[in-house]
C-alpha atoms as a PDB file:
ATOM      1  CA  UNK A   1       0.019  -0.228  -0.081  1.00  0.00           C
ATOM      2  CA  UNK A   2       1.470   3.390  -0.948  1.00  0.00           C
ATOM      3  CA  UNK A   3       0.968   6.481   1.367  1.00  0.00           C
ATOM      4  CA  UNK A   4       1.534  10.180   0.513  1.00  0.00           C
ATOM      5  CA  UNK A   5       3.577  12.274   2.489  1.00  0.00           C
ATOM      6  CA  UNK A   6       1.786  14.768   4.638  1.00  0.00           C
ATOM      7  CA  UNK A   7       1.310  18.384   3.458  1.00  0.00           C
ATOM      8  CA  UNK A   8       1.656  21.104   5.774  1.00  0.00           C
ATOM      9  CA  UNK A   9      -2.083  23.048   5.430  1.00  0.00           C
ATOM     10  CA  UNK A  10      -1.735  25.893   3.201  1.00  0.00           C
ATOM     11  CA  UNK A  11      -3.594  28.532   5.274  1.00  0.00           C
ATOM     12  CA  UNK A  12      -1.448  27.434   8.745  1.00  0.00           C
ATOM     13  CA  UNK A  13       1.430  27.781   6.676  1.00  0.00           C
ATOM     14  CA  UNK A  14       1.275  31.196   5.584  1.00  0.00           C
ATOM     15  CA  UNK A  15      -0.272  32.265   9.353  1.00  0.00           C
ATOM     16  CA  UNK A  16       3.028  30.833  10.755  1.00  0.00           C
ATOM     17  CA  UNK A  17       5.568  32.639   7.876  1.00  0.00           C
ATOM     18  CA  UNK A  18       3.472  36.063   8.942  1.00  0.00           C
ATOM     19  CA  UNK A  19       3.896  35.590  12.556  1.00  0.00           C
ATOM     20  CA  UNK A  20       7.864  34.711  12.048  1.00  0.00           C
ATOM     21  CA  UNK A  21       8.106  38.038   9.889  1.00  0.00           C
ATOM     22  CA  UNK A  22       6.077  40.008  12.150  1.00  0.00           C
ATOM     23  CA  UNK A  23       8.700  38.889  15.049  1.00  0.00           C
ATOM     24  CA  UNK A  24      11.572  39.674  12.795  1.00  0.00           C
ATOM     25  CA  UNK A  25      10.572  43.102  12.101  1.00  0.00           C
ATOM     26  CA  UNK A  26       9.812  43.833  15.539  1.00  0.00           C
ATOM     27  CA  UNK A  27      13.290  42.475  16.558  1.00  0.00           C
ATOM     28  CA  UNK A  28      14.649  44.841  13.858  1.00  0.00           C
ATOM     29  CA  UNK A  29      12.763  47.858  14.614  1.00  0.00           C
ATOM     30  CA  UNK A  30      13.918  47.284  18.647  1.00  0.00           C
ATOM     31  CA  UNK A  31      17.466  47.381  17.592  1.00  0.00           C
ATOM     32  CA  UNK A  32      17.005  50.504  14.761  1.00  0.00           C
ATOM     33  CA  UNK A  33      14.499  52.744  16.944  1.00  0.00           C
ATOM     34  CA  UNK A  34      15.823  51.830  20.387  1.00  0.00           C
ATOM     35  CA  UNK A  35      19.378  53.580  20.224  1.00  0.00           C
ATOM     36  CA  UNK A  36      21.982  51.551  22.117  1.00  0.00           C
ATOM     37  CA  UNK A  37      23.593  55.157  23.652  1.00  0.00           C
ATOM     38  CA  UNK A  38      20.536  56.992  25.103  1.00  0.00           C
ATOM     39  CA  UNK A  39      21.215  60.515  25.573  1.00  0.00           C
ATOM     40  CA  UNK A  40      18.945  62.109  28.210  1.00  0.00           C
ATOM     41  CA  UNK A  41      19.143  66.184  28.199  1.00  0.00           C
ATOM     42  CA  UNK A  42      16.792  69.175  28.860  1.00  0.00           C
ATOM     43  CA  UNK A  43      17.449  73.014  29.359  1.00  0.00           C
ATOM     44  CA  UNK A  44      15.076  75.753  30.319  1.00  0.00           C
ATOM     45  CA  UNK A  45      15.626  79.379  30.372  1.00  0.00           C
ATOM     46  CA  UNK A  46      15.686  81.383  33.672  1.00  0.00           C
ATOM     47  CA  UNK A  47      14.651  84.878  33.633  1.00  0.00           C
ATOM     48  CA  UNK A  48      17.553  86.168  35.911  1.00  0.00           C
ATOM     49  CA  UNK A  49      21.190  87.441  35.231  1.00  0.00           C
ATOM     50  CA  UNK A  50      23.194  84.407  34.464  1.00  0.00           C
ATOM     51  CA  UNK A  51      25.769  85.362  37.707  1.00  0.00           C
ATOM     52  CA  UNK A  52      22.964  85.411  40.268  1.00  0.00           C
ATOM     53  CA  UNK A  53      21.662  82.004  39.122  1.00  0.00           C
ATOM     54  CA  UNK A  54      25.141  80.484  38.961  1.00  0.00           C
ATOM     55  CA  UNK A  55      25.375  81.639  42.519  1.00  0.00           C
ATOM     56  CA  UNK A  56      22.070  80.120  43.566  1.00  0.00           C
ATOM     57  CA  UNK A  57      22.429  77.053  41.755  1.00  0.00           C
ATOM     58  CA  UNK A  58      25.624  76.547  43.810  1.00  0.00           C
ATOM     59  CA  UNK A  59      24.426  76.479  46.991  1.00  0.00           C
ATOM     60  CA  UNK A  60      23.286  72.852  46.686  1.00  0.00           C
ATOM     61  CA  UNK A  61      22.496  72.796  50.387  1.00  0.00           C
ATOM     62  CA  UNK A  62      19.367  74.876  49.488  1.00  0.00           C
ATOM     63  CA  UNK A  63      18.283  71.925  46.747  1.00  0.00           C
ATOM     64  CA  UNK A  64      15.760  70.762  49.487  1.00  0.00           C
ATOM     65  CA  UNK A  65      13.703  74.074  49.004  1.00  0.00           C
ATOM     66  CA  UNK A  66      12.648  73.258  45.214  1.00  0.00           C
ATOM     67  CA  UNK A  67      13.738  69.617  44.524  1.00  0.00           C
ATOM     68  CA  UNK A  68      10.052  67.360  44.224  1.00  0.00           C
ATOM     69  CA  UNK A  69      10.405  65.282  47.320  1.00  0.00           C
ATOM     70  CA  UNK A  70      10.011  62.030  45.095  1.00  0.00           C
ATOM     71  CA  UNK A  71      13.635  62.794  43.421  1.00  0.00           C
ATOM     72  CA  UNK A  72      16.818  61.645  44.919  1.00  0.00           C
ATOM     73  CA  UNK A  73      18.943  64.076  43.343  1.00  0.00           C
ATOM     74  CA  UNK A  74      22.208  64.431  45.166  1.00  0.00           C
ATOM     75  CA  UNK A  75      25.030  67.069  44.283  1.00  0.00           C
ATOM     76  CA  UNK A  76      28.781  65.039  44.440  1.00  0.00           C
ATOM     77  CA  UNK A  77      30.720  68.123  43.334  1.00  0.00           C
ATOM     78  CA  UNK A  78      30.740  71.235  41.241  1.00  0.00           C
ATOM     79  CA  UNK A  79      33.178  73.664  39.423  1.00  0.00           C
ATOM     80  CA  UNK A  80      32.398  77.310  38.019  1.00  0.00           C
ATOM     81  CA  UNK A  81      28.779  76.802  36.229  1.00  0.00           C
ATOM     82  CA  UNK A  82      28.804  72.928  36.246  1.00  0.00           C
ATOM     83  CA  UNK A  83      27.391  70.745  38.822  1.00  0.00           C
ATOM     84  CA  UNK A  84      28.052  66.990  39.201  1.00  0.00           C
ATOM     85  CA  UNK A  85      25.012  64.605  40.643  1.00  0.00           C
ATOM     86  CA  UNK A  86      23.444  61.383  40.942  1.00  0.00           C
ATOM     87  CA  UNK A  87      19.715  60.435  40.575  1.00  0.00           C
ATOM     88  CA  UNK A  88      18.876  57.344  42.439  1.00  0.00           C
ATOM     89  CA  UNK A  89      16.237  55.536  40.173  1.00  0.00           C
ATOM     90  CA  UNK A  90      15.199  52.019  41.129  1.00  0.00           C
ATOM     91  CA  UNK A  91      18.217  51.809  43.499  1.00  0.00           C
ATOM     92  CA  UNK A  92      20.826  52.377  40.333  1.00  0.00           C
ATOM     93  CA  UNK A  93      22.818  55.771  40.860  1.00  0.00           C
ATOM     94  CA  UNK A  94      22.808  57.545  37.671  1.00  0.00           C
ATOM     95  CA  UNK A  95      25.420  60.488  36.945  1.00  0.00           C
ATOM     96  CA  UNK A  96      24.090  63.638  36.181  1.00  0.00           C
ATOM     97  CA  UNK A  97      25.850  66.953  35.008  1.00  0.00           C
ATOM     98  CA  UNK A  98      24.059  70.073  35.460  1.00  0.00           C
ATOM     99  CA  UNK A  99      25.197  73.103  33.746  1.00  0.00           C
ATOM    100  CA  UNK A 100      24.394  76.935  33.496  1.00  0.00           C
ATOM    101  CA  UNK A 101      24.991  79.187  30.723  1.00  0.00           C
ATOM    102  CA  UNK A 102      24.132  82.666  29.394  1.00  0.00           C
ATOM    103  CA  UNK A 103      21.334  82.567  27.517  1.00  0.00           C
ATOM    104  CA  UNK A 104      19.154  84.953  25.136  1.00  0.00           C
ATOM    105  CA  UNK A 105      18.836  88.674  27.029  1.00  0.00           C
ATOM    106  CA  UNK A 106      21.513  88.382  29.883  1.00  0.00           C
ATOM    107  CA  UNK A 107      19.383  85.661  31.125  1.00  0.00           C
ATOM    108  CA  UNK A 108      20.356  82.013  32.143  1.00  0.00           C
ATOM    109  CA  UNK A 109      20.189  78.749  30.896  1.00  0.00           C
ATOM    110  CA  UNK A 110      19.980  75.864  33.325  1.00  0.00           C
ATOM    111  CA  UNK A 111      20.406  72.479  31.613  1.00  0.00           C
ATOM    112  CA  UNK A 112      21.062  68.989  32.501  1.00  0.00           C
ATOM    113  CA  UNK A 113      22.778  65.979  30.803  1.00  0.00           C
ATOM    114  CA  UNK A 114      23.427  62.594  31.006  1.00  0.00           C
ATOM    115  CA  UNK A 115      24.024  59.372  28.547  1.00  0.00           C
ATOM    116  CA  UNK A 116      22.970  55.543  29.148  1.00  0.00           C
ATOM    117  CA  UNK A 117      24.469  52.698  27.753  1.00  0.00           C
ATOM    118  CA  UNK A 118      21.579  50.416  26.086  1.00  0.00           C
ATOM    119  CA  UNK A 119      23.771  47.782  24.053  1.00  0.00           C
ATOM    120  CA  UNK A 120      21.395  44.994  25.143  1.00  0.00           C
ATOM    121  CA  UNK A 121      21.460  41.863  23.410  1.00  0.00           C
ATOM    122  CA  UNK A 122      18.087  40.848  24.501  1.00  0.00           C
ATOM    123  CA  UNK A 123      15.421  42.815  22.782  1.00  0.00           C
ATOM    124  CA  UNK A 124      13.535  42.294  26.247  1.00  0.00           C
ATOM    125  CA  UNK A 125      16.118  43.757  28.359  1.00  0.00           C
ATOM    126  CA  UNK A 126      17.023  46.800  25.890  1.00  0.00           C
ATOM    127  CA  UNK A 127      13.394  47.559  26.046  1.00  0.00           C
ATOM    128  CA  UNK A 128      13.182  47.663  30.133  1.00  0.00           C
ATOM    129  CA  UNK A 129      16.245  49.696  30.176  1.00  0.00           C
ATOM    130  CA  UNK A 130      14.784  52.076  27.577  1.00  0.00           C
ATOM    131  CA  UNK A 131      11.541  52.522  29.617  1.00  0.00           C
ATOM    132  CA  UNK A 132      13.793  52.553  32.705  1.00  0.00           C
ATOM    133  CA  UNK A 133      15.571  55.699  30.524  1.00  0.00           C
ATOM    134  CA  UNK A 134      12.175  57.279  29.987  1.00  0.00           C
ATOM    135  CA  UNK A 135      11.646  57.527  33.936  1.00  0.00           C
ATOM    136  CA  UNK A 136      15.077  59.272  34.267  1.00  0.00           C
ATOM    137  CA  UNK A 137      14.053  61.966  31.655  1.00  0.00           C
ATOM    138  CA  UNK A 138      10.722  62.319  33.540  1.00  0.00           C
ATOM    139  CA  UNK A 139      12.459  63.202  36.859  1.00  0.00           C
ATOM    140  CA  UNK A 140      14.728  65.298  35.455  1.00  0.00           C
ATOM    141  CA  UNK A 141      12.587  67.216  33.557  1.00  0.00           C
ATOM    142  CA  UNK A 142      10.251  67.667  36.541  1.00  0.00           C
ATOM    143  CA  UNK A 143      13.466  68.670  38.774  1.00  0.00           C
ATOM    144  CA  UNK A 144      14.482  71.252  36.016  1.00  0.00           C
ATOM    145  CA  UNK A 145      11.064  72.940  35.872  1.00  0.00           C
ATOM    146  CA  UNK A 146      11.322  73.187  39.598  1.00  0.00           C
ATOM    147  CA  UNK A 147      14.523  74.660  39.630  1.00  0.00           C
ATOM    148  CA  UNK A 148      13.390  77.250  37.385  1.00  0.00           C
ATOM    149  CA  UNK A 149      10.319  78.053  38.750  1.00  0.00           C
ATOM    150  CA  UNK A 150      12.342  78.475  41.988  1.00  0.00           C
ATOM    151  CA  UNK A 151      15.118  80.865  40.469  1.00  0.00           C
ATOM    152  CA  UNK A 152      12.819  82.695  38.531  1.00  0.00           C
ATOM    153  CA  UNK A 153      11.728  84.609  42.112  1.00  0.00           C
ATOM    154  CA  UNK A 154      14.257  87.165  43.546  1.00  0.00           C
ATOM    155  CA  UNK A 155      13.587  84.881  46.919  1.00  0.00           C
ATOM    156  CA  UNK A 156      15.025  81.635  45.215  1.00  0.00           C
ATOM    157  CA  UNK A 157      18.268  83.450  44.851  1.00  0.00           C
ATOM    158  CA  UNK A 158      18.696  86.552  47.365  1.00  0.00           C
ATOM    159  CA  UNK A 159      16.654  84.989  49.870  1.00  0.00           C
ATOM    160  CA  UNK A 160      14.356  87.735  50.467  1.00  0.00           C
ATOM    161  CA  UNK A 161      11.492  88.817  48.392  1.00  0.00           C
ATOM    162  CA  UNK A 162      13.141  91.965  46.238  1.00  0.00           C
ATOM    163  CA  UNK A 163      10.225  94.144  43.833  1.00  0.00           C
ATOM    164  CA  UNK A 164      10.405  96.942  41.825  1.00  0.00           C
ATOM    165  CA  UNK A 165       7.902  99.467  42.716  1.00  0.00           C
ATOM    166  CA  UNK A 166       7.545 103.537  42.602  1.00  0.00           C
ATOM    167  CA  UNK A 167       8.204 106.092  45.270  1.00  0.00           C
ATOM    168  CA  UNK A 168       4.746 107.156  47.039  1.00  0.00           C
ATOM    169  CA  UNK A 169       5.925 109.766  49.292  1.00  0.00           C
ATOM    170  CA  UNK A 170       7.653 113.254  47.514  1.00  0.00           C
ATOM    171  CA  UNK A 171       7.897 115.400  50.380  1.00  0.00           C
ATOM    172  CA  UNK A 172       9.796 114.623  53.933  1.00  0.00           C
ATOM    173  CA  UNK A 173      10.595 116.644  56.828  1.00  0.00           C
ATOM    174  CA  UNK A 174      14.237 115.194  58.056  1.00  0.00           C
ATOM    175  CA  UNK A 175      17.080 115.615  61.043  1.00  0.00           C
ATOM    176  CA  UNK A 176      20.162 114.073  60.980  1.00  0.00           C
ATOM    177  CA  UNK A 177      23.050 113.694  63.383  1.00  0.00           C
ATOM    178  CA  UNK A 178      26.774 112.789  63.527  1.00  0.00           C
ATOM    179  CA  UNK A 179      27.415 110.259  66.046  1.00  0.00           C
ATOM    180  CA  UNK A 180      30.489 108.645  67.373  1.00  0.00           C
ATOM    181  CA  UNK A 181      28.710 104.691  67.688  1.00  0.00           C
ATOM    182  CA  UNK A 182      25.722 103.330  65.707  1.00  0.00           C
ATOM    183  CA  UNK A 183      22.674 105.043  67.048  1.00  0.00           C
ATOM    184  CA  UNK A 184      20.636 102.829  69.675  1.00  0.00           C
ATOM    185  CA  UNK A 185      16.719 102.508  69.005  1.00  0.00           C
ATOM    186  CA  UNK A 186      16.334 104.807  72.040  1.00  0.00           C
ATOM    187  CA  UNK A 187      18.226 107.694  70.380  1.00  0.00           C
ATOM    188  CA  UNK A 188      16.561 107.074  66.312  1.00  0.00           C
ATOM    189  CA  UNK A 189      12.705 107.353  68.569  1.00  0.00           C
ATOM    190  CA  UNK A 190      14.469 110.610  70.341  1.00  0.00           C
ATOM    191  CA  UNK A 191      14.696 112.322  66.760  1.00  0.00           C
ATOM    192  CA  UNK A 192      11.616 110.570  65.496  1.00  0.00           C
ATOM    193  CA  UNK A 193       9.993 112.707  68.493  1.00  0.00           C
ATOM    194  CA  UNK A 194      11.460 115.665  67.515  1.00  0.00           C
ATOM    195  CA  UNK A 195      10.241 115.268  64.201  1.00  0.00           C
ATOM    196  CA  UNK A 196       6.659 114.362  65.255  1.00  0.00           C
ATOM    197  CA  UNK A 197       6.530 117.094  67.691  1.00  0.00           C
ATOM    198  CA  UNK A 198       8.130 119.806  64.736  1.00  0.00           C
ATOM    199  CA  UNK A 199       5.025 118.388  62.433  1.00  0.00           C
ATOM    200  CA  UNK A 200       2.468 119.100  65.013  1.00  0.00           C
ATOM    201  CA  UNK A 201       3.904 122.595  65.583  1.00  0.00           C
ATOM    202  CA  UNK A 202       3.891 123.827  62.251  1.00  0.00           C
ATOM    203  CA  UNK A 203       0.539 122.131  61.571  1.00  0.00           C
ATOM    204  CA  UNK A 204       1.989 119.734  58.972  1.00  0.00           C
ATOM    205  CA  UNK A 205       0.290 115.815  58.551  1.00  0.00           C
ATOM    206  CA  UNK A 206       2.801 112.897  58.752  1.00  0.00           C
ATOM    207  CA  UNK A 207       1.615 110.175  55.853  1.00  0.00           C
ATOM    208  CA  UNK A 208       3.777 107.013  56.946  1.00  0.00           C
ATOM    209  CA  UNK A 209       6.339 105.379  59.495  1.00  0.00           C
ATOM    210  CA  UNK A 210       9.964 107.092  60.402  1.00  0.00           C
ATOM    211  CA  UNK A 211      12.239 106.451  57.270  1.00  0.00           C
ATOM    212  CA  UNK A 212      15.836 105.759  58.501  1.00  0.00           C
ATOM    213  CA  UNK A 213      19.340 105.918  56.917  1.00  0.00           C
ATOM    214  CA  UNK A 214      22.762 105.166  58.725  1.00  0.00           C
ATOM    215  CA  UNK A 215      25.983 105.471  57.035  1.00  0.00           C
ATOM    216  CA  UNK A 216      29.116 104.802  58.687  1.00  0.00           C
ATOM    217  CA  UNK A 217      31.293 107.603  57.519  1.00  0.00           C
ATOM    218  CA  UNK A 218      34.877 106.361  59.236  1.00  0.00           C
ATOM    219  CA  UNK A 219      35.409 104.660  62.737  1.00  0.00           C
ATOM    220  CA  UNK A 220      34.180 107.533  64.790  1.00  0.00           C
ATOM    221  CA  UNK A 221      31.565 108.744  62.833  1.00  0.00           C
ATOM    222  CA  UNK A 222      28.369 107.513  62.069  1.00  0.00           C
ATOM    223  CA  UNK A 223      25.665 109.473  59.897  1.00  0.00           C
ATOM    224  CA  UNK A 224      22.353 109.350  60.891  1.00  0.00           C
ATOM    225  CA  UNK A 225      19.153 110.681  59.214  1.00  0.00           C
ATOM    226  CA  UNK A 226      15.546 110.182  60.028  1.00  0.00           C
ATOM    227  CA  UNK A 227      12.624 111.422  57.955  1.00  0.00           C
ATOM    228  CA  UNK A 228       8.974 111.302  58.138  1.00  0.00           C
ATOM    229  CA  UNK A 229       6.910 111.585  54.797  1.00  0.00           C
ATOM    230  CA  UNK A 230       4.452 114.399  54.172  1.00  0.00           C
ATOM    231  CA  UNK A 231       1.171 115.233  53.170  1.00  0.00           C
ATOM    232  CA  UNK A 232       2.629 118.450  51.696  1.00  0.00           C
ATOM    233  CA  UNK A 233       5.482 120.558  52.453  1.00  0.00           C
ATOM    234  CA  UNK A 234       5.531 122.933  55.604  1.00  0.00           C
ATOM    235  CA  UNK A 235       8.110 125.662  56.614  1.00  0.00           C
ATOM    236  CA  UNK A 236      10.640 124.309  58.710  1.00  0.00           C
ATOM    237  CA  UNK A 237      12.924 125.676  61.781  1.00  0.00           C
ATOM    238  CA  UNK A 238      16.921 125.750  61.789  1.00  0.00           C
ATOM    239  CA  UNK A 239      17.852 121.828  62.345  1.00  0.00           C
ATOM    240  CA  UNK A 240      15.495 120.392  59.813  1.00  0.00           C
ATOM    241  CA  UNK A 241      14.790 120.190  56.329  1.00  0.00           C
ATOM    242  CA  UNK A 242      12.641 119.300  53.861  1.00  0.00           C
ATOM    243  CA  UNK A 243      13.438 116.901  51.686  1.00  0.00           C
ATOM    244  CA  UNK A 244      12.286 115.834  48.078  1.00  0.00           C
ATOM    245  CA  UNK A 245      12.348 112.732  46.545  1.00  0.00           C
ATOM    246  CA  UNK A 246      11.975 112.136  42.834  1.00  0.00           C
ATOM    247  CA  UNK A 247       8.688 109.784  42.004  1.00  0.00           C
ATOM    248  CA  UNK A 248      10.961 107.648  40.312  1.00  0.00           C
ATOM    249  CA  UNK A 249      11.921 103.542  41.012  1.00  0.00           C
ATOM    250  CA  UNK A 250      12.601 101.862  43.962  1.00  0.00           C
ATOM    251  CA  UNK A 251      13.838  98.165  44.914  1.00  0.00           C
ATOM    252  CA  UNK A 252      11.929  97.471  48.018  1.00  0.00           C
ATOM    253  CA  UNK A 253      12.039  94.641  50.431  1.00  0.00           C
ATOM    254  CA  UNK A 254       9.690  93.605  53.722  1.00  0.00           C
ATOM    255  CA  UNK A 255      11.574  92.056  56.368  1.00  0.00           C
ATOM    256  CA  UNK A 256      10.368  90.507  59.580  1.00  0.00           C
ATOM    257  CA  UNK A 257      12.777  90.122  62.139  1.00  0.00           C
ATOM    258  CA  UNK A 258      15.749  91.857  63.943  1.00  0.00           C
ATOM    259  CA  UNK A 259      18.572  94.468  62.380  1.00  0.00           C
ATOM    260  CA  UNK A 260      20.922  91.625  61.869  1.00  0.00           C
ATOM    261  CA  UNK A 261      17.781  90.295  59.428  1.00  0.00           C
ATOM    262  CA  UNK A 262      17.413  93.942  57.961  1.00  0.00           C
ATOM    263  CA  UNK A 263      21.368  93.939  57.321  1.00  0.00           C
ATOM    264  CA  UNK A 264      21.316  90.851  55.657  1.00  0.00           C
ATOM    265  CA  UNK A 265      18.119  92.273  53.328  1.00  0.00           C
ATOM    266  CA  UNK A 266      20.444  95.172  52.831  1.00  0.00           C
ATOM    267  CA  UNK A 267      23.122  93.068  51.434  1.00  0.00           C
ATOM    268  CA  UNK A 268      21.062  90.869  49.328  1.00  0.00           C
ATOM    269  CA  UNK A 269      19.591  94.249  47.597  1.00  0.00           C
ATOM    270  CA  UNK A 270      22.943  95.443  47.053  1.00  0.00           C
ATOM    271  CA  UNK A 271      23.632  92.110  45.210  1.00  0.00           C
ATOM    272  CA  UNK A 272      20.419  92.637  43.426  1.00  0.00           C
ATOM    273  CA  UNK A 273      21.397  96.048  42.125  1.00  0.00           C
ATOM    274  CA  UNK A 274      25.078  94.450  41.161  1.00  0.00           C
ATOM    275  CA  UNK A 275      23.609  91.592  39.467  1.00  0.00           C
ATOM    276  CA  UNK A 276      20.717  93.392  37.363  1.00  0.00           C
ATOM    277  CA  UNK A 277      23.228  96.273  36.750  1.00  0.00           C
ATOM    278  CA  UNK A 278      21.248  99.321  38.248  1.00  0.00           C
ATOM    279  CA  UNK A 279      22.473 102.356  39.657  1.00  0.00           C
ATOM    280  CA  UNK A 280      21.021 104.427  42.716  1.00  0.00           C
ATOM    281  CA  UNK A 281      21.261 108.000  42.627  1.00  0.00           C
ATOM    282  CA  UNK A 282      19.985 108.504  46.209  1.00  0.00           C
ATOM    283  CA  UNK A 283      20.757 107.304  49.418  1.00  0.00           C
ATOM    284  CA  UNK A 284      18.572 103.916  50.831  1.00  0.00           C
ATOM    285  CA  UNK A 285      16.567 103.745  53.660  1.00  0.00           C
ATOM    286  CA  UNK A 286      14.569 101.681  56.129  1.00  0.00           C
ATOM    287  CA  UNK A 287      10.844 102.109  57.231  1.00  0.00           C
ATOM    288  CA  UNK A 288      10.371 101.324  60.880  1.00  0.00           C
ATOM    289  CA  UNK A 289       6.686  99.408  60.206  1.00  0.00           C
ATOM    290  CA  UNK A 290       7.037  98.597  63.570  1.00  0.00           C
ATOM    291  CA  UNK A 291       7.510 100.811  66.168  1.00  0.00           C
ATOM    292  CA  UNK A 292      10.842  99.329  67.960  1.00  0.00           C
ATOM    293  CA  UNK A 293      10.675 101.233  70.990  1.00  0.00           C
ATOM    294  CA  UNK A 294       7.206 100.016  72.162  1.00  0.00           C
ATOM    295  CA  UNK A 295       7.875  95.996  70.555  1.00  0.00           C
ATOM    296  CA  UNK A 296      10.373  94.480  72.773  1.00  0.00           C
ATOM    297  CA  UNK A 297      10.452  91.315  70.791  1.00  0.00           C
ATOM    298  CA  UNK A 298      12.535  92.156  68.070  1.00  0.00           C
ATOM    299  CA  UNK A 299      11.748  89.040  65.936  1.00  0.00           C
ATOM    300  CA  UNK A 300       8.372  90.770  65.408  1.00  0.00           C
ATOM    301  CA  UNK A 301       9.703  94.087  63.886  1.00  0.00           C
ATOM    302  CA  UNK A 302       8.660  94.160  60.752  1.00  0.00           C
ATOM    303  CA  UNK A 303      10.669  96.843  58.401  1.00  0.00           C
ATOM    304  CA  UNK A 304      10.625  97.858  54.365  1.00  0.00           C
ATOM    305  CA  UNK A 305      14.056  98.809  53.004  1.00  0.00           C
ATOM    306  CA  UNK A 306      13.569 101.153  49.717  1.00  0.00           C
ATOM    307  CA  UNK A 307      16.387 101.429  47.514  1.00  0.00           C
ATOM    308  CA  UNK A 308      16.126 104.311  44.765  1.00  0.00           C
ATOM    309  CA  UNK A 309      17.006 103.252  41.312  1.00  0.00           C
ATOM    310  CA  UNK A 310      17.481 104.410  37.852  1.00  0.00           C
END
């Protein structure tokens, strides 16, 4: 008896060939579309002068103030405008470099970059590592966005909310003294009392809190000027002067705390002036919003630093 050999079912044969072709194309796509070296990078513009952003970013101990809580990004070293970091993702330490360079219109450009070797022979491992890299990209994008949001505001860089505003009081009555030492609170408020009494005597009207400027001329001479804004000019006696302020621009910083805190804010404002390349045409002054003579707790003192600028 003669038997014919079994022939494969033709439709099944086509299905098998189609599946094999799809698998081959999929494998090819994995190797062609997923690179063996994955570059992860990003950059965003910060609308602040480049030197100020570099100074802020280099204070890596303060990164926790803006870093998202679920991102474990640690600075390991820094040099000039480059910061070496490591990002912990699923127990793996990924090295990442952050840099700050000059961007458009003298603003700063913060960027990050890292690369990952994905020369895996297994297509499954290659896909898994690619998805892992996408997680890294996502976290670094979020970290960058948080940094840009933080450093776009003056408080992130200078530690204080420094705002540009306009002069509101143009007429002031002032008194000054040259003292051998920095004036005490009592001495300043004696000058305030003299001004207030003189305003009453001359039928004037005060429109704001005392304004104080203390300037060290040398080791033994401290120039102290106290002024009070007026509704209108008044005739003054000897020892008092009427000051006219140009209704121009001001840097203004509101501070709560003692005189040391005010001094810190002053230094921050000077740095802001330098970074923004602004000029001050007149002396700065501090408004004593809180009566320091009555409020004994200096941590509750509220003061406003005003710095005239061009």
